Amino acid sequence: MTTVMIQWLSTVLRRPTLRPGRRVHSHGRPTRTVNSQFVSFLQRSGFRRVNPDRYERSLRRRRLALAVFGWAAALGLTWVVVESAKALSMF
């Protein structure tokens, strides 16, 4: 148990820190940059792999769908309560 913990600590402490401004990375694993001029060109030009507009649109659609579902559920619950009150008042 202690040897596993020591091995884990040695890998964690040996790992280089990630800089917050990096755009080209390999999910936290340190990589060797093959063509640093090309990478710097991509960073200067503002290259992004994911289209943020499309992602934000999908988030808005999801939020709208959740709101519609919430309102439909609230209206359905209100209808059930009203109909149940009418049914109970008949007896």
Protein backbone atom coordinates (compact mmCIF):
# COMPACT_ATOMS: atom_id res chain seq x y z
CA MET A 1 0.00 0.00 0.00
CA THR A 2 2.72 2.45 0.92
CA THR A 3 4.77 1.64 -2.18
CA VAL A 4 1.76 2.39 -4.38
CA MET A 5 1.26 5.68 -2.56
CA ILE A 6 4.95 6.56 -2.94
CA GLN A 7 4.86 5.75 -6.67
CA TRP A 8 1.75 7.86 -7.11
CA LEU A 9 3.27 10.77 -5.21
CA SER A 10 6.47 10.56 -7.25
CA THR A 11 4.52 10.72 -10.54
CA VAL A 12 2.36 13.59 -9.28
CA LEU A 13 5.32 15.60 -8.04
CA ARG A 14 7.35 14.95 -11.20
CA ARG A 15 4.54 16.07 -13.49
CA PRO A 16 5.05 19.56 -15.01
CA THR A 17 2.47 22.21 -14.20
CA LEU A 18 -0.02 23.19 -16.87
CA ARG A 19 -0.06 26.82 -17.85
CA PRO A 20 -3.56 28.33 -17.97
CA GLY A 21 -3.11 29.97 -21.40
CA ARG A 22 -2.35 26.85 -23.42
CA ARG A 23 -4.71 26.11 -26.28
CA VAL A 24 -2.95 23.17 -27.85
CA HIS A 25 -2.59 20.34 -25.36
CA SER A 26 -3.23 16.66 -25.01
CA HIS A 27 -5.68 16.47 -22.09
CA GLY A 28 -3.14 17.19 -19.38
CA ARG A 29 -0.45 14.84 -20.63
CA PRO A 30 2.84 16.56 -21.46
CA THR A 31 3.57 16.29 -25.16
CA ARG A 32 6.50 17.18 -27.38
CA THR A 33 5.66 20.01 -29.76
CA VAL A 34 6.76 18.92 -33.20
CA ASN A 35 6.27 22.19 -35.06
CA SER A 36 6.29 25.07 -32.63
CA GLN A 37 6.00 27.73 -35.37
CA PHE A 38 2.76 26.18 -36.61
CA VAL A 39 1.39 26.01 -33.07
CA SER A 40 2.24 29.65 -32.42
CA PHE A 41 0.57 30.59 -35.73
CA LEU A 42 -2.59 28.78 -34.64
CA GLN A 43 -2.55 30.54 -31.28
CA ARG A 44 -2.09 33.99 -32.85
CA SER A 45 -4.83 33.43 -35.42
CA GLY A 46 -7.33 32.45 -32.72
CA PHE A 47 -7.85 28.94 -34.07
CA ARG A 48 -10.42 26.97 -32.10
CA ARG A 49 -11.31 23.37 -32.64
CA VAL A 50 -14.88 23.71 -31.29
CA ASN A 51 -17.31 26.24 -32.71
CA PRO A 52 -18.50 28.08 -29.59
CA ASP A 53 -21.55 29.49 -31.37
CA ARG A 54 -22.88 26.04 -32.19
CA TYR A 55 -22.22 24.86 -28.65
CA GLU A 56 -23.94 27.89 -27.14
CA ARG A 57 -26.93 27.37 -29.43
CA SER A 58 -27.23 23.77 -28.26
CA LEU A 59 -27.09 24.95 -24.65
CA ARG A 60 -29.85 27.48 -25.32
CA ARG A 61 -31.99 24.80 -26.99
CA ARG A 62 -31.47 22.49 -24.05
CA ARG A 63 -32.42 25.23 -21.60
CA LEU A 64 -35.53 26.06 -23.64
CA ALA A 65 -36.55 22.39 -23.80
CA LEU A 66 -36.17 22.10 -20.03
CA ALA A 67 -38.29 25.23 -19.51
CA VAL A 68 -41.02 23.93 -21.84
CA PHE A 69 -40.99 20.56 -20.07
CA GLY A 70 -41.18 22.27 -16.66
CA TRP A 71 -44.13 24.44 -17.68
CA ALA A 72 -45.93 21.45 -19.25
CA ALA A 73 -45.39 19.41 -16.08
CA ALA A 74 -46.67 22.28 -13.90
CA LEU A 75 -49.75 22.73 -16.08
CA GLY A 76 -50.40 18.98 -16.08
CA LEU A 77 -50.12 18.83 -12.30
CA THR A 78 -52.48 21.81 -11.98
CA TRP A 79 -55.00 20.12 -14.27
CA VAL A 80 -54.87 16.90 -12.21
CA VAL A 81 -55.40 18.84 -8.97
CA VAL A 82 -58.36 20.79 -10.41
CA GLU A 83 -60.00 17.68 -11.84
CA SER A 84 -59.46 15.80 -8.59
CA ALA A 85 -61.04 18.66 -6.64
CA LYS A 86 -64.05 18.60 -9.00
CA ALA A 87 -64.39 14.84 -8.62
CA LEU A 88 -64.19 15.03 -4.82
CA SER A 89 -66.74 17.83 -4.71
CA MET A 90 -69.27 15.63 -6.57
CA PHE A 91 -69.30 13.03 -3.77
